Amino acid sequence: MAVPGMTVATAAQIGGTTAIKVSRW
């Protein structure tokens, strides 16, 4: 998430999970 320009939605796609889980993590 510290990568410049990273969004929760993009992180979720990269991590193969949901945006809610990314937000929690």
PDBML (XML) file of the C-alpha atoms, coordinates in Angstrom:
<?xml version="1.0" encoding="UTF-8" ?>
<PDBx:datablock datablockName="MODEL"
   xmlns:PDBx="http://pdbml.pdb.org/schema/pdbx-v50.xsd"
   xmlns:xsi="http://www.w3.org/2001/XMLSchema-instance"
   xsi:schemaLocation="http://pdbml.pdb.org/schema/pdbx-v50.xsd pdbx-v50.xsd">
   <PDBx:atom_siteCategory>
      <PDBx:atom_site id="1">
         <PDBx:B_iso_or_equiv>0.00</PDBx:B_iso_or_equiv>
         <PDBx:Cartn_x>0.000</PDBx:Cartn_x>
         <PDBx:Cartn_y>0.000</PDBx:Cartn_y>
         <PDBx:Cartn_z>0.000</PDBx:Cartn_z>
         <PDBx:auth_asym_id>A</PDBx:auth_asym_id>
         <PDBx:auth_atom_id>CA</PDBx:auth_atom_id>
         <PDBx:auth_comp_id>MET</PDBx:auth_comp_id>
         <PDBx:auth_seq_id>1</PDBx:auth_seq_id>
         <PDBx:group_PDB>ATOM</PDBx:group_PDB>
         <PDBx:label_alt_id xsi:nil="true" />
         <PDBx:label_asym_id>A</PDBx:label_asym_id>
         <PDBx:label_atom_id>CA</PDBx:label_atom_id>
         <PDBx:label_comp_id>MET</PDBx:label_comp_id>
         <PDBx:label_entity_id>1</PDBx:label_entity_id>
         <PDBx:label_seq_id>1</PDBx:label_seq_id>
         <PDBx:occupancy>1.00</PDBx:occupancy>
         <PDBx:pdbx_PDB_model_num>1</PDBx:pdbx_PDB_model_num>
         <PDBx:type_symbol>C</PDBx:type_symbol>
      </PDBx:atom_site>
      <PDBx:atom_site id="2">
         <PDBx:B_iso_or_equiv>0.00</PDBx:B_iso_or_equiv>
         <PDBx:Cartn_x>3.014</PDBx:Cartn_x>
         <PDBx:Cartn_y>2.326</PDBx:Cartn_y>
         <PDBx:Cartn_z>0.395</PDBx:Cartn_z>
         <PDBx:auth_asym_id>A</PDBx:auth_asym_id>
         <PDBx:auth_atom_id>CA</PDBx:auth_atom_id>
         <PDBx:auth_comp_id>ALA</PDBx:auth_comp_id>
         <PDBx:auth_seq_id>2</PDBx:auth_seq_id>
         <PDBx:group_PDB>ATOM</PDBx:group_PDB>
         <PDBx:label_alt_id xsi:nil="true" />
         <PDBx:label_asym_id>A</PDBx:label_asym_id>
         <PDBx:label_atom_id>CA</PDBx:label_atom_id>
         <PDBx:label_comp_id>ALA</PDBx:label_comp_id>
         <PDBx:label_entity_id>1</PDBx:label_entity_id>
         <PDBx:label_seq_id>2</PDBx:label_seq_id>
         <PDBx:occupancy>1.00</PDBx:occupancy>
         <PDBx:pdbx_PDB_model_num>1</PDBx:pdbx_PDB_model_num>
         <PDBx:type_symbol>C</PDBx:type_symbol>
      </PDBx:atom_site>
      <PDBx:atom_site id="3">
         <PDBx:B_iso_or_equiv>0.00</PDBx:B_iso_or_equiv>
         <PDBx:Cartn_x>3.785</PDBx:Cartn_x>
         <PDBx:Cartn_y>2.081</PDBx:Cartn_y>
         <PDBx:Cartn_z>-3.319</PDBx:Cartn_z>
         <PDBx:auth_asym_id>A</PDBx:auth_asym_id>
         <PDBx:auth_atom_id>CA</PDBx:auth_atom_id>
         <PDBx:auth_comp_id>VAL</PDBx:auth_comp_id>
         <PDBx:auth_seq_id>3</PDBx:auth_seq_id>
         <PDBx:group_PDB>ATOM</PDBx:group_PDB>
         <PDBx:label_alt_id xsi:nil="true" />
         <PDBx:label_asym_id>A</PDBx:label_asym_id>
         <PDBx:label_atom_id>CA</PDBx:label_atom_id>
         <PDBx:label_comp_id>VAL</PDBx:label_comp_id>
         <PDBx:label_entity_id>1</PDBx:label_entity_id>
         <PDBx:label_seq_id>3</PDBx:label_seq_id>
         <PDBx:occupancy>1.00</PDBx:occupancy>
         <PDBx:pdbx_PDB_model_num>1</PDBx:pdbx_PDB_model_num>
         <PDBx:type_symbol>C</PDBx:type_symbol>
      </PDBx:atom_site>
      <PDBx:atom_site id="4">
         <PDBx:B_iso_or_equiv>0.00</PDBx:B_iso_or_equiv>
         <PDBx:Cartn_x>3.052</PDBx:Cartn_x>
         <PDBx:Cartn_y>5.546</PDBx:Cartn_y>
         <PDBx:Cartn_z>-4.798</PDBx:Cartn_z>
         <PDBx:auth_asym_id>A</PDBx:auth_asym_id>
         <PDBx:auth_atom_id>CA</PDBx:auth_atom_id>
         <PDBx:auth_comp_id>PRO</PDBx:auth_comp_id>
         <PDBx:auth_seq_id>4</PDBx:auth_seq_id>
         <PDBx:group_PDB>ATOM</PDBx:group_PDB>
         <PDBx:label_alt_id xsi:nil="true" />
         <PDBx:label_asym_id>A</PDBx:label_asym_id>
         <PDBx:label_atom_id>CA</PDBx:label_atom_id>
         <PDBx:label_comp_id>PRO</PDBx:label_comp_id>
         <PDBx:label_entity_id>1</PDBx:label_entity_id>
         <PDBx:label_seq_id>4</PDBx:label_seq_id>
         <PDBx:occupancy>1.00</PDBx:occupancy>
         <PDBx:pdbx_PDB_model_num>1</PDBx:pdbx_PDB_model_num>
         <PDBx:type_symbol>C</PDBx:type_symbol>
      </PDBx:atom_site>
      <PDBx:atom_site id="5">
         <PDBx:B_iso_or_equiv>0.00</PDBx:B_iso_or_equiv>
         <PDBx:Cartn_x>-0.287</PDBx:Cartn_x>
         <PDBx:Cartn_y>5.508</PDBx:Cartn_y>
         <PDBx:Cartn_z>-6.603</PDBx:Cartn_z>
         <PDBx:auth_asym_id>A</PDBx:auth_asym_id>
         <PDBx:auth_atom_id>CA</PDBx:auth_atom_id>
         <PDBx:auth_comp_id>GLY</PDBx:auth_comp_id>
         <PDBx:auth_seq_id>5</PDBx:auth_seq_id>
         <PDBx:group_PDB>ATOM</PDBx:group_PDB>
         <PDBx:label_alt_id xsi:nil="true" />
         <PDBx:label_asym_id>A</PDBx:label_asym_id>
         <PDBx:label_atom_id>CA</PDBx:label_atom_id>
         <PDBx:label_comp_id>GLY</PDBx:label_comp_id>
         <PDBx:label_entity_id>1</PDBx:label_entity_id>
         <PDBx:label_seq_id>5</PDBx:label_seq_id>
         <PDBx:occupancy>1.00</PDBx:occupancy>
         <PDBx:pdbx_PDB_model_num>1</PDBx:pdbx_PDB_model_num>
         <PDBx:type_symbol>C</PDBx:type_symbol>
      </PDBx:atom_site>
      <PDBx:atom_site id="6">
         <PDBx:B_iso_or_equiv>0.00</PDBx:B_iso_or_equiv>
         <PDBx:Cartn_x>-1.387</PDBx:Cartn_x>
         <PDBx:Cartn_y>2.160</PDBx:Cartn_y>
         <PDBx:Cartn_z>-5.113</PDBx:Cartn_z>
         <PDBx:auth_asym_id>A</PDBx:auth_asym_id>
         <PDBx:auth_atom_id>CA</PDBx:auth_atom_id>
         <PDBx:auth_comp_id>MET</PDBx:auth_comp_id>
         <PDBx:auth_seq_id>6</PDBx:auth_seq_id>
         <PDBx:group_PDB>ATOM</PDBx:group_PDB>
         <PDBx:label_alt_id xsi:nil="true" />
         <PDBx:label_asym_id>A</PDBx:label_asym_id>
         <PDBx:label_atom_id>CA</PDBx:label_atom_id>
         <PDBx:label_comp_id>MET</PDBx:label_comp_id>
         <PDBx:label_entity_id>1</PDBx:label_entity_id>
         <PDBx:label_seq_id>6</PDBx:label_seq_id>
         <PDBx:occupancy>1.00</PDBx:occupancy>
         <PDBx:pdbx_PDB_model_num>1</PDBx:pdbx_PDB_model_num>
         <PDBx:type_symbol>C</PDBx:type_symbol>
      </PDBx:atom_site>
      <PDBx:atom_site id="7">
         <PDBx:B_iso_or_equiv>0.00</PDBx:B_iso_or_equiv>
         <PDBx:Cartn_x>-5.098</PDBx:Cartn_x>
         <PDBx:Cartn_y>1.898</PDBx:Cartn_y>
         <PDBx:Cartn_z>-4.447</PDBx:Cartn_z>
         <PDBx:auth_asym_id>A</PDBx:auth_asym_id>
         <PDBx:auth_atom_id>CA</PDBx:auth_atom_id>
         <PDBx:auth_comp_id>THR</PDBx:auth_comp_id>
         <PDBx:auth_seq_id>7</PDBx:auth_seq_id>
         <PDBx:group_PDB>ATOM</PDBx:group_PDB>
         <PDBx:label_alt_id xsi:nil="true" />
         <PDBx:label_asym_id>A</PDBx:label_asym_id>
         <PDBx:label_atom_id>CA</PDBx:label_atom_id>
         <PDBx:label_comp_id>THR</PDBx:label_comp_id>
         <PDBx:label_entity_id>1</PDBx:label_entity_id>
         <PDBx:label_seq_id>7</PDBx:label_seq_id>
         <PDBx:occupancy>1.00</PDBx:occupancy>
         <PDBx:pdbx_PDB_model_num>1</PDBx:pdbx_PDB_model_num>
         <PDBx:type_symbol>C</PDBx:type_symbol>
      </PDBx:atom_site>
      <PDBx:atom_site id="8">
         <PDBx:B_iso_or_equiv>0.00</PDBx:B_iso_or_equiv>
         <PDBx:Cartn_x>-6.935</PDBx:Cartn_x>
         <PDBx:Cartn_y>-0.591</PDBx:Cartn_y>
         <PDBx:Cartn_z>-2.279</PDBx:Cartn_z>
         <PDBx:auth_asym_id>A</PDBx:auth_asym_id>
         <PDBx:auth_atom_id>CA</PDBx:auth_atom_id>
         <PDBx:auth_comp_id>VAL</PDBx:auth_comp_id>
         <PDBx:auth_seq_id>8</PDBx:auth_seq_id>
         <PDBx:group_PDB>ATOM</PDBx:group_PDB>
         <PDBx:label_alt_id xsi:nil="true" />
         <PDBx:label_asym_id>A</PDBx:label_asym_id>
         <PDBx:label_atom_id>CA</PDBx:label_atom_id>
         <PDBx:label_comp_id>VAL</PDBx:label_comp_id>
         <PDBx:label_entity_id>1</PDBx:label_entity_id>
         <PDBx:label_seq_id>8</PDBx:label_seq_id>
         <PDBx:occupancy>1.00</PDBx:occupancy>
         <PDBx:pdbx_PDB_model_num>1</PDBx:pdbx_PDB_model_num>
         <PDBx:type_symbol>C</PDBx:type_symbol>
      </PDBx:atom_site>
      <PDBx:atom_site id="9">
         <PDBx:B_iso_or_equiv>0.00</PDBx:B_iso_or_equiv>
         <PDBx:Cartn_x>-8.672</PDBx:Cartn_x>
         <PDBx:Cartn_y>-1.962</PDBx:Cartn_y>
         <PDBx:Cartn_z>-5.381</PDBx:Cartn_z>
         <PDBx:auth_asym_id>A</PDBx:auth_asym_id>
         <PDBx:auth_atom_id>CA</PDBx:auth_atom_id>
         <PDBx:auth_comp_id>ALA</PDBx:auth_comp_id>
         <PDBx:auth_seq_id>9</PDBx:auth_seq_id>
         <PDBx:group_PDB>ATOM</PDBx:group_PDB>
         <PDBx:label_alt_id xsi:nil="true" />
         <PDBx:label_asym_id>A</PDBx:label_asym_id>
         <PDBx:label_atom_id>CA</PDBx:label_atom_id>
         <PDBx:label_comp_id>ALA</PDBx:label_comp_id>
         <PDBx:label_entity_id>1</PDBx:label_entity_id>
         <PDBx:label_seq_id>9</PDBx:label_seq_id>
         <PDBx:occupancy>1.00</PDBx:occupancy>
         <PDBx:pdbx_PDB_model_num>1</PDBx:pdbx_PDB_model_num>
         <PDBx:type_symbol>C</PDBx:type_symbol>
      </PDBx:atom_site>
      <PDBx:atom_site id="10">
         <PDBx:B_iso_or_equiv>0.00</PDBx:B_iso_or_equiv>
         <PDBx:Cartn_x>-5.361</PDBx:Cartn_x>
         <PDBx:Cartn_y>-2.492</PDBx:Cartn_y>
         <PDBx:Cartn_z>-7.193</PDBx:Cartn_z>
         <PDBx:auth_asym_id>A</PDBx:auth_asym_id>
         <PDBx:auth_atom_id>CA</PDBx:auth_atom_id>
         <PDBx:auth_comp_id>THR</PDBx:auth_comp_id>
         <PDBx:auth_seq_id>10</PDBx:auth_seq_id>
         <PDBx:group_PDB>ATOM</PDBx:group_PDB>
         <PDBx:label_alt_id xsi:nil="true" />
         <PDBx:label_asym_id>A</PDBx:label_asym_id>
         <PDBx:label_atom_id>CA</PDBx:label_atom_id>
         <PDBx:label_comp_id>THR</PDBx:label_comp_id>
         <PDBx:label_entity_id>1</PDBx:label_entity_id>
         <PDBx:label_seq_id>10</PDBx:label_seq_id>
         <PDBx:occupancy>1.00</PDBx:occupancy>
         <PDBx:pdbx_PDB_model_num>1</PDBx:pdbx_PDB_model_num>
         <PDBx:type_symbol>C</PDBx:type_symbol>
      </PDBx:atom_site>
      <PDBx:atom_site id="11">
         <PDBx:B_iso_or_equiv>0.00</PDBx:B_iso_or_equiv>
         <PDBx:Cartn_x>-3.796</PDBx:Cartn_x>
         <PDBx:Cartn_y>-4.088</PDBx:Cartn_y>
         <PDBx:Cartn_z>-4.111</PDBx:Cartn_z>
         <PDBx:auth_asym_id>A</PDBx:auth_asym_id>
         <PDBx:auth_atom_id>CA</PDBx:auth_atom_id>
         <PDBx:auth_comp_id>ALA</PDBx:auth_comp_id>
         <PDBx:auth_seq_id>11</PDBx:auth_seq_id>
         <PDBx:group_PDB>ATOM</PDBx:group_PDB>
         <PDBx:label_alt_id xsi:nil="true" />
         <PDBx:label_asym_id>A</PDBx:label_asym_id>
         <PDBx:label_atom_id>CA</PDBx:label_atom_id>
         <PDBx:label_comp_id>ALA</PDBx:label_comp_id>
         <PDBx:label_entity_id>1</PDBx:label_entity_id>
         <PDBx:label_seq_id>11</PDBx:label_seq_id>
         <PDBx:occupancy>1.00</PDBx:occupancy>
         <PDBx:pdbx_PDB_model_num>1</PDBx:pdbx_PDB_model_num>
         <PDBx:type_symbol>C</PDBx:type_symbol>
      </PDBx:atom_site>
      <PDBx:atom_site id="12">
         <PDBx:B_iso_or_equiv>0.00</PDBx:B_iso_or_equiv>
         <PDBx:Cartn_x>-6.784</PDBx:Cartn_x>
         <PDBx:Cartn_y>-6.423</PDBx:Cartn_y>
         <PDBx:Cartn_z>-3.875</PDBx:Cartn_z>
         <PDBx:auth_asym_id>A</PDBx:auth_asym_id>
         <PDBx:auth_atom_id>CA</PDBx:auth_atom_id>
         <PDBx:auth_comp_id>ALA</PDBx:auth_comp_id>
         <PDBx:auth_seq_id>12</PDBx:auth_seq_id>
         <PDBx:group_PDB>ATOM</PDBx:group_PDB>
         <PDBx:label_alt_id xsi:nil="true" />
         <PDBx:label_asym_id>A</PDBx:label_asym_id>
         <PDBx:label_atom_id>CA</PDBx:label_atom_id>
         <PDBx:label_comp_id>ALA</PDBx:label_comp_id>
         <PDBx:label_entity_id>1</PDBx:label_entity_id>
         <PDBx:label_seq_id>12</PDBx:label_seq_id>
         <PDBx:occupancy>1.00</PDBx:occupancy>
         <PDBx:pdbx_PDB_model_num>1</PDBx:pdbx_PDB_model_num>
         <PDBx:type_symbol>C</PDBx:type_symbol>
      </PDBx:atom_site>
      <PDBx:atom_site id="13">
         <PDBx:B_iso_or_equiv>0.00</PDBx:B_iso_or_equiv>
         <PDBx:Cartn_x>-6.273</PDBx:Cartn_x>
         <PDBx:Cartn_y>-7.492</PDBx:Cartn_y>
         <PDBx:Cartn_z>-7.495</PDBx:Cartn_z>
         <PDBx:auth_asym_id>A</PDBx:auth_asym_id>
         <PDBx:auth_atom_id>CA</PDBx:auth_atom_id>
         <PDBx:auth_comp_id>GLN</PDBx:auth_comp_id>
         <PDBx:auth_seq_id>13</PDBx:auth_seq_id>
         <PDBx:group_PDB>ATOM</PDBx:group_PDB>
         <PDBx:label_alt_id xsi:nil="true" />
         <PDBx:label_asym_id>A</PDBx:label_asym_id>
         <PDBx:label_atom_id>CA</PDBx:label_atom_id>
         <PDBx:label_comp_id>GLN</PDBx:label_comp_id>
         <PDBx:label_entity_id>1</PDBx:label_entity_id>
         <PDBx:label_seq_id>13</PDBx:label_seq_id>
         <PDBx:occupancy>1.00</PDBx:occupancy>
         <PDBx:pdbx_PDB_model_num>1</PDBx:pdbx_PDB_model_num>
         <PDBx:type_symbol>C</PDBx:type_symbol>
      </PDBx:atom_site>
      <PDBx:atom_site id="14">
         <PDBx:B_iso_or_equiv>0.00</PDBx:B_iso_or_equiv>
         <PDBx:Cartn_x>-2.552</PDBx:Cartn_x>
         <PDBx:Cartn_y>-8.023</PDBx:Cartn_y>
         <PDBx:Cartn_z>-6.922</PDBx:Cartn_z>
         <PDBx:auth_asym_id>A</PDBx:auth_asym_id>
         <PDBx:auth_atom_id>CA</PDBx:auth_atom_id>
         <PDBx:auth_comp_id>ILE</PDBx:auth_comp_id>
         <PDBx:auth_seq_id>14</PDBx:auth_seq_id>
         <PDBx:group_PDB>ATOM</PDBx:group_PDB>
         <PDBx:label_alt_id xsi:nil="true" />
         <PDBx:label_asym_id>A</PDBx:label_asym_id>
         <PDBx:label_atom_id>CA</PDBx:label_atom_id>
         <PDBx:label_comp_id>ILE</PDBx:label_comp_id>
         <PDBx:label_entity_id>1</PDBx:label_entity_id>
         <PDBx:label_seq_id>14</PDBx:label_seq_id>
         <PDBx:occupancy>1.00</PDBx:occupancy>
         <PDBx:pdbx_PDB_model_num>1</PDBx:pdbx_PDB_model_num>
         <PDBx:type_symbol>C</PDBx:type_symbol>
      </PDBx:atom_site>
      <PDBx:atom_site id="15">
         <PDBx:B_iso_or_equiv>0.00</PDBx:B_iso_or_equiv>
         <PDBx:Cartn_x>-3.159</PDBx:Cartn_x>
         <PDBx:Cartn_y>-9.939</PDBx:Cartn_y>
         <PDBx:Cartn_z>-3.704</PDBx:Cartn_z>
         <PDBx:auth_asym_id>A</PDBx:auth_asym_id>
         <PDBx:auth_atom_id>CA</PDBx:auth_atom_id>
         <PDBx:auth_comp_id>GLY</PDBx:auth_comp_id>
         <PDBx:auth_seq_id>15</PDBx:auth_seq_id>
         <PDBx:group_PDB>ATOM</PDBx:group_PDB>
         <PDBx:label_alt_id xsi:nil="true" />
         <PDBx:label_asym_id>A</PDBx:label_asym_id>
         <PDBx:label_atom_id>CA</PDBx:label_atom_id>
         <PDBx:label_comp_id>GLY</PDBx:label_comp_id>
         <PDBx:label_entity_id>1</PDBx:label_entity_id>
         <PDBx:label_seq_id>15</PDBx:label_seq_id>
         <PDBx:occupancy>1.00</PDBx:occupancy>
         <PDBx:pdbx_PDB_model_num>1</PDBx:pdbx_PDB_model_num>
         <PDBx:type_symbol>C</PDBx:type_symbol>
      </PDBx:atom_site>
      <PDBx:atom_site id="16">
         <PDBx:B_iso_or_equiv>0.00</PDBx:B_iso_or_equiv>
         <PDBx:Cartn_x>-6.059</PDBx:Cartn_x>
         <PDBx:Cartn_y>-11.973</PDBx:Cartn_y>
         <PDBx:Cartn_z>-5.039</PDBx:Cartn_z>
         <PDBx:auth_asym_id>A</PDBx:auth_asym_id>
         <PDBx:auth_atom_id>CA</PDBx:auth_atom_id>
         <PDBx:auth_comp_id>GLY</PDBx:auth_comp_id>
         <PDBx:auth_seq_id>16</PDBx:auth_seq_id>
         <PDBx:group_PDB>ATOM</PDBx:group_PDB>
         <PDBx:label_alt_id xsi:nil="true" />
         <PDBx:label_asym_id>A</PDBx:label_asym_id>
         <PDBx:label_atom_id>CA</PDBx:label_atom_id>
         <PDBx:label_comp_id>GLY</PDBx:label_comp_id>
         <PDBx:label_entity_id>1</PDBx:label_entity_id>
         <PDBx:label_seq_id>16</PDBx:label_seq_id>
         <PDBx:occupancy>1.00</PDBx:occupancy>
         <PDBx:pdbx_PDB_model_num>1</PDBx:pdbx_PDB_model_num>
         <PDBx:type_symbol>C</PDBx:type_symbol>
      </PDBx:atom_site>
      <PDBx:atom_site id="17">
         <PDBx:B_iso_or_equiv>0.00</PDBx:B_iso_or_equiv>
         <PDBx:Cartn_x>-8.443</PDBx:Cartn_x>
         <PDBx:Cartn_y>-10.843</PDBx:Cartn_y>
         <PDBx:Cartn_z>-2.329</PDBx:Cartn_z>
         <PDBx:auth_asym_id>A</PDBx:auth_asym_id>
         <PDBx:auth_atom_id>CA</PDBx:auth_atom_id>
         <PDBx:auth_comp_id>THR</PDBx:auth_comp_id>
         <PDBx:auth_seq_id>17</PDBx:auth_seq_id>
         <PDBx:group_PDB>ATOM</PDBx:group_PDB>
         <PDBx:label_alt_id xsi:nil="true" />
         <PDBx:label_asym_id>A</PDBx:label_asym_id>
         <PDBx:label_atom_id>CA</PDBx:label_atom_id>
         <PDBx:label_comp_id>THR</PDBx:label_comp_id>
         <PDBx:label_entity_id>1</PDBx:label_entity_id>
         <PDBx:label_seq_id>17</PDBx:label_seq_id>
         <PDBx:occupancy>1.00</PDBx:occupancy>
         <PDBx:pdbx_PDB_model_num>1</PDBx:pdbx_PDB_model_num>
         <PDBx:type_symbol>C</PDBx:type_symbol>
      </PDBx:atom_site>
      <PDBx:atom_site id="18">
         <PDBx:B_iso_or_equiv>0.00</PDBx:B_iso_or_equiv>
         <PDBx:Cartn_x>-11.146</PDBx:Cartn_x>
         <PDBx:Cartn_y>-8.279</PDBx:Cartn_y>
         <PDBx:Cartn_z>-1.632</PDBx:Cartn_z>
         <PDBx:auth_asym_id>A</PDBx:auth_asym_id>
         <PDBx:auth_atom_id>CA</PDBx:auth_atom_id>
         <PDBx:auth_comp_id>THR</PDBx:auth_comp_id>
         <PDBx:auth_seq_id>18</PDBx:auth_seq_id>
         <PDBx:group_PDB>ATOM</PDBx:group_PDB>
         <PDBx:label_alt_id xsi:nil="true" />
         <PDBx:label_asym_id>A</PDBx:label_asym_id>
         <PDBx:label_atom_id>CA</PDBx:label_atom_id>
         <PDBx:label_comp_id>THR</PDBx:label_comp_id>
         <PDBx:label_entity_id>1</PDBx:label_entity_id>
         <PDBx:label_seq_id>18</PDBx:label_seq_id>
         <PDBx:occupancy>1.00</PDBx:occupancy>
         <PDBx:pdbx_PDB_model_num>1</PDBx:pdbx_PDB_model_num>
         <PDBx:type_symbol>C</PDBx:type_symbol>
      </PDBx:atom_site>
      <PDBx:atom_site id="19">
         <PDBx:B_iso_or_equiv>0.00</PDBx:B_iso_or_equiv>
         <PDBx:Cartn_x>-10.755</PDBx:Cartn_x>
         <PDBx:Cartn_y>-4.575</PDBx:Cartn_y>
         <PDBx:Cartn_z>-0.986</PDBx:Cartn_z>
         <PDBx:auth_asym_id>A</PDBx:auth_asym_id>
         <PDBx:auth_atom_id>CA</PDBx:auth_atom_id>
         <PDBx:auth_comp_id>ALA</PDBx:auth_comp_id>
         <PDBx:auth_seq_id>19</PDBx:auth_seq_id>
         <PDBx:group_PDB>ATOM</PDBx:group_PDB>
         <PDBx:label_alt_id xsi:nil="true" />
         <PDBx:label_asym_id>A</PDBx:label_asym_id>
         <PDBx:label_atom_id>CA</PDBx:label_atom_id>
         <PDBx:label_comp_id>ALA</PDBx:label_comp_id>
         <PDBx:label_entity_id>1</PDBx:label_entity_id>
         <PDBx:label_seq_id>19</PDBx:label_seq_id>
         <PDBx:occupancy>1.00</PDBx:occupancy>
         <PDBx:pdbx_PDB_model_num>1</PDBx:pdbx_PDB_model_num>
         <PDBx:type_symbol>C</PDBx:type_symbol>
      </PDBx:atom_site>
      <PDBx:atom_site id="20">
         <PDBx:B_iso_or_equiv>0.00</PDBx:B_iso_or_equiv>
         <PDBx:Cartn_x>-12.267</PDBx:Cartn_x>
         <PDBx:Cartn_y>-5.060</PDBx:Cartn_y>
         <PDBx:Cartn_z>2.477</PDBx:Cartn_z>
         <PDBx:auth_asym_id>A</PDBx:auth_asym_id>
         <PDBx:auth_atom_id>CA</PDBx:auth_atom_id>
         <PDBx:auth_comp_id>ILE</PDBx:auth_comp_id>
         <PDBx:auth_seq_id>20</PDBx:auth_seq_id>
         <PDBx:group_PDB>ATOM</PDBx:group_PDB>
         <PDBx:label_alt_id xsi:nil="true" />
         <PDBx:label_asym_id>A</PDBx:label_asym_id>
         <PDBx:label_atom_id>CA</PDBx:label_atom_id>
         <PDBx:label_comp_id>ILE</PDBx:label_comp_id>
         <PDBx:label_entity_id>1</PDBx:label_entity_id>
         <PDBx:label_seq_id>20</PDBx:label_seq_id>
         <PDBx:occupancy>1.00</PDBx:occupancy>
         <PDBx:pdbx_PDB_model_num>1</PDBx:pdbx_PDB_model_num>
         <PDBx:type_symbol>C</PDBx:type_symbol>
      </PDBx:atom_site>
      <PDBx:atom_site id="21">
         <PDBx:B_iso_or_equiv>0.00</PDBx:B_iso_or_equiv>
         <PDBx:Cartn_x>-9.530</PDBx:Cartn_x>
         <PDBx:Cartn_y>-7.538</PDBx:Cartn_y>
         <PDBx:Cartn_z>3.412</PDBx:Cartn_z>
         <PDBx:auth_asym_id>A</PDBx:auth_asym_id>
         <PDBx:auth_atom_id>CA</PDBx:auth_atom_id>
         <PDBx:auth_comp_id>LYS</PDBx:auth_comp_id>
         <PDBx:auth_seq_id>21</PDBx:auth_seq_id>
         <PDBx:group_PDB>ATOM</PDBx:group_PDB>
         <PDBx:label_alt_id xsi:nil="true" />
         <PDBx:label_asym_id>A</PDBx:label_asym_id>
         <PDBx:label_atom_id>CA</PDBx:label_atom_id>
         <PDBx:label_comp_id>LYS</PDBx:label_comp_id>
         <PDBx:label_entity_id>1</PDBx:label_entity_id>
         <PDBx:label_seq_id>21</PDBx:label_seq_id>
         <PDBx:occupancy>1.00</PDBx:occupancy>
         <PDBx:pdbx_PDB_model_num>1</PDBx:pdbx_PDB_model_num>
         <PDBx:type_symbol>C</PDBx:type_symbol>
      </PDBx:atom_site>
      <PDBx:atom_site id="22">
         <PDBx:B_iso_or_equiv>0.00</PDBx:B_iso_or_equiv>
         <PDBx:Cartn_x>-6.836</PDBx:Cartn_x>
         <PDBx:Cartn_y>-5.245</PDBx:Cartn_y>
         <PDBx:Cartn_z>2.043</PDBx:Cartn_z>
         <PDBx:auth_asym_id>A</PDBx:auth_asym_id>
         <PDBx:auth_atom_id>CA</PDBx:auth_atom_id>
         <PDBx:auth_comp_id>VAL</PDBx:auth_comp_id>
         <PDBx:auth_seq_id>22</PDBx:auth_seq_id>
         <PDBx:group_PDB>ATOM</PDBx:group_PDB>
         <PDBx:label_alt_id xsi:nil="true" />
         <PDBx:label_asym_id>A</PDBx:label_asym_id>
         <PDBx:label_atom_id>CA</PDBx:label_atom_id>
         <PDBx:label_comp_id>VAL</PDBx:label_comp_id>
         <PDBx:label_entity_id>1</PDBx:label_entity_id>
         <PDBx:label_seq_id>22</PDBx:label_seq_id>
         <PDBx:occupancy>1.00</PDBx:occupancy>
         <PDBx:pdbx_PDB_model_num>1</PDBx:pdbx_PDB_model_num>
         <PDBx:type_symbol>C</PDBx:type_symbol>
      </PDBx:atom_site>
      <PDBx:atom_site id="23">
         <PDBx:B_iso_or_equiv>0.00</PDBx:B_iso_or_equiv>
         <PDBx:Cartn_x>-8.214</PDBx:Cartn_x>
         <PDBx:Cartn_y>-2.409</PDBx:Cartn_y>
         <PDBx:Cartn_z>4.156</PDBx:Cartn_z>
         <PDBx:auth_asym_id>A</PDBx:auth_asym_id>
         <PDBx:auth_atom_id>CA</PDBx:auth_atom_id>
         <PDBx:auth_comp_id>SER</PDBx:auth_comp_id>
         <PDBx:auth_seq_id>23</PDBx:auth_seq_id>
         <PDBx:group_PDB>ATOM</PDBx:group_PDB>
         <PDBx:label_alt_id xsi:nil="true" />
         <PDBx:label_asym_id>A</PDBx:label_asym_id>
         <PDBx:label_atom_id>CA</PDBx:label_atom_id>
         <PDBx:label_comp_id>SER</PDBx:label_comp_id>
         <PDBx:label_entity_id>1</PDBx:label_entity_id>
         <PDBx:label_seq_id>23</PDBx:label_seq_id>
         <PDBx:occupancy>1.00</PDBx:occupancy>
         <PDBx:pdbx_PDB_model_num>1</PDBx:pdbx_PDB_model_num>
         <PDBx:type_symbol>C</PDBx:type_symbol>
      </PDBx:atom_site>
      <PDBx:atom_site id="24">
         <PDBx:B_iso_or_equiv>0.00</PDBx:B_iso_or_equiv>
         <PDBx:Cartn_x>-8.185</PDBx:Cartn_x>
         <PDBx:Cartn_y>-4.602</PDBx:Cartn_y>
         <PDBx:Cartn_z>7.259</PDBx:Cartn_z>
         <PDBx:auth_asym_id>A</PDBx:auth_asym_id>
         <PDBx:auth_atom_id>CA</PDBx:auth_atom_id>
         <PDBx:auth_comp_id>ARG</PDBx:auth_comp_id>
         <PDBx:auth_seq_id>24</PDBx:auth_seq_id>
         <PDBx:group_PDB>ATOM</PDBx:group_PDB>
         <PDBx:label_alt_id xsi:nil="true" />
         <PDBx:label_asym_id>A</PDBx:label_asym_id>
         <PDBx:label_atom_id>CA</PDBx:label_atom_id>
         <PDBx:label_comp_id>ARG</PDBx:label_comp_id>
         <PDBx:label_entity_id>1</PDBx:label_entity_id>
         <PDBx:label_seq_id>24</PDBx:label_seq_id>
         <PDBx:occupancy>1.00</PDBx:occupancy>
         <PDBx:pdbx_PDB_model_num>1</PDBx:pdbx_PDB_model_num>
         <PDBx:type_symbol>C</PDBx:type_symbol>
      </PDBx:atom_site>
      <PDBx:atom_site id="25">
         <PDBx:B_iso_or_equiv>0.00</PDBx:B_iso_or_equiv>
         <PDBx:Cartn_x>-4.653</PDBx:Cartn_x>
         <PDBx:Cartn_y>-5.826</PDBx:Cartn_y>
         <PDBx:Cartn_z>6.625</PDBx:Cartn_z>
         <PDBx:auth_asym_id>A</PDBx:auth_asym_id>
         <PDBx:auth_atom_id>CA</PDBx:auth_atom_id>
         <PDBx:auth_comp_id>TRP</PDBx:auth_comp_id>
         <PDBx:auth_seq_id>25</PDBx:auth_seq_id>
         <PDBx:group_PDB>ATOM</PDBx:group_PDB>
         <PDBx:label_alt_id xsi:nil="true" />
         <PDBx:label_asym_id>A</PDBx:label_asym_id>
         <PDBx:label_atom_id>CA</PDBx:label_atom_id>
         <PDBx:label_comp_id>TRP</PDBx:label_comp_id>
         <PDBx:label_entity_id>1</PDBx:label_entity_id>
         <PDBx:label_seq_id>25</PDBx:label_seq_id>
         <PDBx:occupancy>1.00</PDBx:occupancy>
         <PDBx:pdbx_PDB_model_num>1</PDBx:pdbx_PDB_model_num>
         <PDBx:type_symbol>C</PDBx:type_symbol>
      </PDBx:atom_site>
   </PDBx:atom_siteCategory>
</PDBx:datablock>
